[in-house]
């Protein structure tokens, strides 16, 4: 059963090392594959991060607020609760020996948003 209009969804902002703009779509496919159980979808094309040009930003969405704990559960370490009463949000920072979705991911934010 899919979520209807106005239903909350999980949005992931993922920053990963990527060699070039041409390599970004392949990395995006790998991220989507890592989230295949959640039927994740890309939300816009990957973009180079202006502050750190070696990183690309990937924005992905997953229908259903109930998916949020399972997604953050894909990596048990590195999460910080950054949300408030209105917008639940968790930020993940890479640390040695810990991986989230792909070895090139260095930072991620998982938050609950209205469609």
N, C-alpha and C. Protein backbone atom coordinates (compact mmCIF):
# COMPACT_ATOMS: atom_id res chain seq x y z
N UNK A 1 0.85 -1.18 0.00
CA UNK A 1 0.00 0.00 0.00
C UNK A 1 0.89 1.24 0.00
N UNK A 2 0.68 2.13 -0.92
CA UNK A 2 1.52 3.32 -1.00
C UNK A 2 0.89 4.46 -0.22
N UNK A 3 1.73 5.40 0.18
CA UNK A 3 1.26 6.55 0.93
C UNK A 3 0.55 7.51 -0.02
N UNK A 4 -0.50 8.13 0.44
CA UNK A 4 -1.26 9.05 -0.38
C UNK A 4 -0.68 10.44 -0.33
N UNK A 5 -1.29 11.35 -1.12
CA UNK A 5 -0.82 12.73 -1.13
C UNK A 5 -0.90 13.32 0.28
N UNK A 6 0.10 14.09 0.62
CA UNK A 6 0.14 14.72 1.93
C UNK A 6 0.67 13.81 3.02
N UNK A 7 0.91 12.54 2.70
CA UNK A 7 1.46 11.61 3.68
C UNK A 7 2.94 11.90 3.88
N UNK A 8 3.43 11.72 5.10
CA UNK A 8 4.86 11.93 5.33
C UNK A 8 5.69 10.93 4.55
N UNK A 9 6.87 11.35 4.18
CA UNK A 9 7.82 10.46 3.55
C UNK A 9 9.19 10.71 4.16
N UNK A 10 10.08 9.77 3.97
CA UNK A 10 11.44 9.89 4.46
C UNK A 10 12.28 10.46 3.31
N UNK A 11 13.04 11.50 3.60
CA UNK A 11 13.96 12.06 2.62
C UNK A 11 15.38 11.83 3.11
N UNK A 12 16.22 11.40 2.21
CA UNK A 12 17.64 11.19 2.52
C UNK A 12 18.47 12.15 1.68
N UNK A 13 19.32 12.89 2.34
CA UNK A 13 20.34 13.70 1.66
C UNK A 13 21.64 12.98 1.94
N UNK A 14 22.28 12.52 0.88
CA UNK A 14 23.48 11.72 1.01
C UNK A 14 24.62 12.42 0.28
N UNK A 15 25.73 12.62 0.97
CA UNK A 15 26.91 13.22 0.36
C UNK A 15 27.97 12.14 0.24
N UNK A 16 28.49 11.99 -0.98
CA UNK A 16 29.47 10.92 -1.23
C UNK A 16 30.58 11.43 -2.14
N UNK A 17 31.77 10.84 -1.94
CA UNK A 17 32.88 11.13 -2.85
C UNK A 17 32.53 10.57 -4.21
N UNK A 18 32.79 11.34 -5.25
CA UNK A 18 32.48 10.91 -6.60
C UNK A 18 33.50 11.56 -7.54
N UNK A 19 34.10 10.77 -8.40
CA UNK A 19 35.19 11.24 -9.24
C UNK A 19 34.79 12.31 -10.25
N UNK A 20 33.55 12.24 -10.75
CA UNK A 20 33.16 13.16 -11.81
C UNK A 20 31.65 13.22 -11.94
N UNK A 21 31.15 14.25 -12.63
CA UNK A 21 29.70 14.29 -12.88
C UNK A 21 29.22 13.08 -13.68
N UNK A 22 30.08 12.55 -14.54
CA UNK A 22 29.70 11.39 -15.34
C UNK A 22 29.56 10.12 -14.48
N UNK A 23 30.30 10.06 -13.37
CA UNK A 23 30.24 8.90 -12.48
C UNK A 23 29.07 8.97 -11.50
N UNK A 24 28.50 10.16 -11.31
CA UNK A 24 27.45 10.35 -10.31
C UNK A 24 26.20 9.49 -10.56
N UNK A 25 25.69 9.37 -11.79
CA UNK A 25 24.50 8.53 -11.98
C UNK A 25 24.71 7.06 -11.59
N UNK A 26 25.90 6.53 -11.84
CA UNK A 26 26.18 5.14 -11.46
C UNK A 26 26.19 5.00 -9.94
N UNK A 27 26.76 5.98 -9.24
CA UNK A 27 26.76 5.94 -7.78
C UNK A 27 25.33 6.06 -7.25
N UNK A 28 24.53 6.92 -7.88
CA UNK A 28 23.14 7.04 -7.48
C UNK A 28 22.40 5.70 -7.61
N UNK A 29 22.65 4.97 -8.68
CA UNK A 29 22.04 3.64 -8.85
C UNK A 29 22.47 2.69 -7.74
N UNK A 30 23.73 2.78 -7.32
CA UNK A 30 24.20 1.92 -6.23
C UNK A 30 23.51 2.28 -4.92
N UNK A 31 23.30 3.56 -4.68
CA UNK A 31 22.58 3.98 -3.48
C UNK A 31 21.14 3.48 -3.51
N UNK A 32 20.49 3.63 -4.67
CA UNK A 32 19.11 3.13 -4.80
C UNK A 32 19.06 1.62 -4.61
N UNK A 33 20.06 0.91 -5.12
CA UNK A 33 20.11 -0.55 -4.93
C UNK A 33 20.25 -0.90 -3.45
N UNK A 34 21.06 -0.13 -2.72
CA UNK A 34 21.23 -0.37 -1.28
C UNK A 34 19.93 -0.14 -0.52
N UNK A 35 19.05 0.67 -1.10
CA UNK A 35 17.75 0.98 -0.47
C UNK A 35 16.59 0.29 -1.20
N UNK A 36 16.88 -0.73 -1.98
CA UNK A 36 15.85 -1.39 -2.79
C UNK A 36 14.69 -1.92 -1.95
N UNK A 37 14.96 -2.39 -0.76
CA UNK A 37 13.89 -2.92 0.09
C UNK A 37 12.89 -1.84 0.49
N UNK A 38 13.28 -0.58 0.34
CA UNK A 38 12.42 0.55 0.72
C UNK A 38 11.78 1.24 -0.47
N UNK A 39 12.04 0.73 -1.68
CA UNK A 39 11.53 1.32 -2.91
C UNK A 39 11.89 2.81 -3.00
N UNK A 40 13.14 3.12 -2.69
CA UNK A 40 13.61 4.51 -2.74
C UNK A 40 13.59 5.03 -4.17
N UNK A 41 13.40 6.33 -4.27
CA UNK A 41 13.41 7.00 -5.58
C UNK A 41 14.33 8.21 -5.51
N UNK A 42 14.98 8.49 -6.63
CA UNK A 42 15.81 9.69 -6.71
C UNK A 42 14.89 10.90 -6.84
N UNK A 43 15.28 11.97 -6.21
CA UNK A 43 14.53 13.21 -6.27
C UNK A 43 15.45 14.28 -6.85
N UNK A 44 15.53 14.33 -8.15
CA UNK A 44 16.44 15.26 -8.83
C UNK A 44 17.76 14.59 -9.13
N UNK A 45 18.52 15.24 -9.99
CA UNK A 45 19.82 14.72 -10.39
C UNK A 45 20.87 14.98 -9.30
N UNK A 46 21.87 14.12 -9.21
CA UNK A 46 22.97 14.37 -8.27
C UNK A 46 23.64 15.70 -8.62
N UNK A 47 24.07 16.41 -7.58
CA UNK A 47 24.73 17.70 -7.80
C UNK A 47 26.02 17.77 -7.01
N UNK A 48 27.01 18.40 -7.62
CA UNK A 48 28.28 18.62 -6.93
C UNK A 48 28.03 19.56 -5.75
N UNK A 49 28.63 19.25 -4.60
CA UNK A 49 28.47 20.07 -3.41
C UNK A 49 29.43 21.25 -3.51
N UNK A 50 28.89 22.44 -3.49
CA UNK A 50 29.70 23.63 -3.75
C UNK A 50 30.81 23.86 -2.74
N UNK A 51 30.59 23.45 -1.48
CA UNK A 51 31.62 23.67 -0.46
C UNK A 51 32.79 22.69 -0.59
N UNK A 52 32.46 21.48 -1.03
CA UNK A 52 33.47 20.44 -1.19
C UNK A 52 33.26 19.79 -2.54
N UNK A 53 33.93 20.26 -3.58
CA UNK A 53 33.65 19.80 -4.94
C UNK A 53 33.94 18.32 -5.20
N UNK A 54 34.64 17.66 -4.29
CA UNK A 54 34.87 16.22 -4.46
C UNK A 54 33.65 15.39 -4.04
N UNK A 55 32.67 16.06 -3.43
CA UNK A 55 31.44 15.38 -2.99
C UNK A 55 30.27 15.74 -3.89
N UNK A 56 29.37 14.77 -4.04
CA UNK A 56 28.11 15.00 -4.73
C UNK A 56 26.98 14.77 -3.75
N UNK A 57 25.91 15.54 -3.92
CA UNK A 57 24.72 15.37 -3.09
C UNK A 57 23.70 14.56 -3.87
N UNK A 58 23.15 13.55 -3.21
CA UNK A 58 22.11 12.70 -3.75
C UNK A 58 20.89 12.85 -2.85
N UNK A 59 19.75 13.16 -3.43
CA UNK A 59 18.53 13.30 -2.65
C UNK A 59 17.59 12.17 -3.05
N UNK A 60 17.19 11.39 -2.06
CA UNK A 60 16.36 10.21 -2.28
C UNK A 60 15.15 10.28 -1.37
N UNK A 61 14.05 9.66 -1.78
CA UNK A 61 12.86 9.62 -0.94
C UNK A 61 12.34 8.19 -0.83
N UNK A 62 11.67 7.97 0.29
CA UNK A 62 11.03 6.69 0.59
C UNK A 62 9.66 7.01 1.15
N UNK A 63 8.63 6.40 0.61
CA UNK A 63 7.27 6.64 1.10
C UNK A 63 7.08 5.96 2.45
N UNK A 64 6.41 6.66 3.35
CA UNK A 64 6.03 6.06 4.62
C UNK A 64 6.95 6.39 5.77
N UNK A 65 6.44 7.13 6.72
CA UNK A 65 7.21 7.52 7.91
C UNK A 65 7.69 6.31 8.70
N UNK A 66 6.96 5.20 8.62
CA UNK A 66 7.32 4.01 9.38
C UNK A 66 8.66 3.42 8.93
N UNK A 67 9.17 3.84 7.77
CA UNK A 67 10.44 3.33 7.25
C UNK A 67 11.66 3.97 7.92
N UNK A 68 11.46 5.10 8.57
CA UNK A 68 12.59 5.86 9.10
C UNK A 68 13.47 5.04 10.05
N UNK A 69 12.92 4.35 11.05
CA UNK A 69 13.80 3.58 11.94
C UNK A 69 14.58 2.47 11.22
N UNK A 70 13.97 1.86 10.23
CA UNK A 70 14.66 0.79 9.49
C UNK A 70 15.81 1.36 8.67
N UNK A 71 15.62 2.55 8.11
CA UNK A 71 16.68 3.16 7.31
C UNK A 71 17.86 3.56 8.20
N UNK A 72 17.59 4.22 9.31
CA UNK A 72 18.70 4.58 10.20
C UNK A 72 19.32 3.31 10.80
N UNK A 73 18.54 2.26 10.89
CA UNK A 73 19.05 1.00 11.41
C UNK A 73 20.01 0.28 10.47
N UNK A 74 20.12 0.74 9.23
CA UNK A 74 21.07 0.14 8.30
C UNK A 74 22.51 0.36 8.76
N UNK A 75 22.71 1.35 9.62
CA UNK A 75 24.02 1.63 10.20
C UNK A 75 23.78 1.99 11.67
N UNK A 76 24.31 1.21 12.55
CA UNK A 76 23.99 1.39 13.97
C UNK A 76 24.81 2.48 14.67
N UNK A 77 25.88 2.96 14.04
CA UNK A 77 26.73 3.98 14.67
C UNK A 77 26.84 5.21 13.78
N UNK A 78 27.10 6.35 14.43
CA UNK A 78 27.37 7.57 13.69
C UNK A 78 26.21 8.53 13.59
N UNK A 79 25.03 8.15 14.12
CA UNK A 79 23.84 8.99 14.00
C UNK A 79 23.72 9.98 15.16
N UNK A 80 23.30 11.20 14.83
CA UNK A 80 23.01 12.23 15.82
C UNK A 80 21.60 12.73 15.58
N UNK A 81 20.80 12.78 16.61
CA UNK A 81 19.43 13.30 16.51
C UNK A 81 19.52 14.82 16.41
N UNK A 82 19.10 15.37 15.28
CA UNK A 82 19.16 16.82 15.04
C UNK A 82 17.76 17.41 14.82
N UNK A 83 16.75 16.61 15.06
CA UNK A 83 15.40 17.07 14.80
C UNK A 83 14.81 17.91 15.90
N UNK A 84 13.59 18.35 15.65
CA UNK A 84 12.84 19.09 16.65
C UNK A 84 11.42 18.52 16.68
N UNK A 85 10.53 19.19 17.38
CA UNK A 85 9.16 18.69 17.50
C UNK A 85 8.42 18.66 16.17
N UNK A 86 8.86 19.46 15.21
CA UNK A 86 8.16 19.56 13.93
C UNK A 86 8.78 18.72 12.83
N UNK A 87 10.10 18.53 12.87
CA UNK A 87 10.79 17.79 11.81
C UNK A 87 11.79 16.81 12.42
N UNK A 88 11.41 15.54 12.54
CA UNK A 88 12.38 14.54 12.99
C UNK A 88 13.53 14.45 11.98
N UNK A 89 14.75 14.44 12.47
CA UNK A 89 15.91 14.43 11.59
C UNK A 89 17.10 13.79 12.31
N UNK A 90 17.84 12.97 11.56
CA UNK A 90 19.07 12.37 12.07
C UNK A 90 20.17 12.60 11.06
N UNK A 91 21.36 12.91 11.56
CA UNK A 91 22.52 13.13 10.71
C UNK A 91 23.54 12.04 11.00
N UNK A 92 24.12 11.52 9.93
CA UNK A 92 25.15 10.49 10.04
C UNK A 92 26.47 11.05 9.53
N UNK A 93 27.53 10.86 10.31
CA UNK A 93 28.88 11.23 9.91
C UNK A 93 29.73 9.98 9.85
N UNK A 94 30.50 9.87 8.79
CA UNK A 94 31.38 8.71 8.64
C UNK A 94 32.39 8.68 9.77
N UNK A 95 32.71 7.47 10.16
CA UNK A 95 33.78 7.25 11.13
C UNK A 95 34.49 5.98 10.72
N UNK A 96 35.74 5.81 11.12
CA UNK A 96 36.51 4.63 10.69
C UNK A 96 35.77 3.32 10.97
N UNK A 97 35.73 2.47 9.96
CA UNK A 97 35.13 1.15 10.11
C UNK A 97 33.62 1.12 10.06
N UNK A 98 32.98 2.26 9.79
CA UNK A 98 31.52 2.32 9.76
C UNK A 98 31.09 2.79 8.38
N UNK A 99 30.07 2.13 7.84
CA UNK A 99 29.62 2.42 6.48
C UNK A 99 28.10 2.59 6.46
N UNK A 100 27.61 3.56 5.69
CA UNK A 100 26.18 3.73 5.47
C UNK A 100 25.93 3.75 3.97
N UNK A 101 25.24 2.76 3.47
CA UNK A 101 24.82 2.59 2.09
C UNK A 101 25.92 2.29 1.09
N UNK A 102 27.06 2.94 1.18
CA UNK A 102 28.13 2.77 0.19
C UNK A 102 29.44 3.26 0.83
N UNK A 103 30.57 2.67 0.47
CA UNK A 103 31.84 3.09 1.07
C UNK A 103 32.20 4.56 0.82
N UNK A 104 31.69 5.17 -0.24
CA UNK A 104 32.04 6.56 -0.54
C UNK A 104 31.15 7.58 0.15
N UNK A 105 30.13 7.13 0.87
CA UNK A 105 29.26 8.07 1.60
C UNK A 105 30.01 8.59 2.83
N UNK A 106 30.03 9.92 2.97
CA UNK A 106 30.74 10.53 4.10
C UNK A 106 29.81 11.26 5.05
N UNK A 107 28.58 11.58 4.61
CA UNK A 107 27.63 12.30 5.45
C UNK A 107 26.24 12.03 4.90
N UNK A 108 25.26 11.94 5.80
CA UNK A 108 23.88 11.74 5.37
C UNK A 108 22.94 12.37 6.38
N UNK A 109 21.80 12.79 5.88
CA UNK A 109 20.72 13.26 6.74
C UNK A 109 19.47 12.49 6.34
N UNK A 110 18.77 12.01 7.33
CA UNK A 110 17.51 11.31 7.12
C UNK A 110 16.46 12.10 7.88
N UNK A 111 15.43 12.57 7.17
CA UNK A 111 14.41 13.37 7.84
C UNK A 111 13.04 13.03 7.32
N UNK A 112 12.06 13.35 8.13
CA UNK A 112 10.67 13.11 7.78
C UNK A 112 10.09 14.41 7.25
N UNK A 113 9.50 14.35 6.06
CA UNK A 113 8.93 15.55 5.43
C UNK A 113 7.53 15.22 4.90
N UNK A 114 6.71 16.26 4.76
CA UNK A 114 5.42 16.09 4.10
C UNK A 114 5.67 16.17 2.60
N UNK A 115 4.89 15.43 1.86
CA UNK A 115 5.02 15.46 0.39
C UNK A 115 4.68 16.80 -0.15
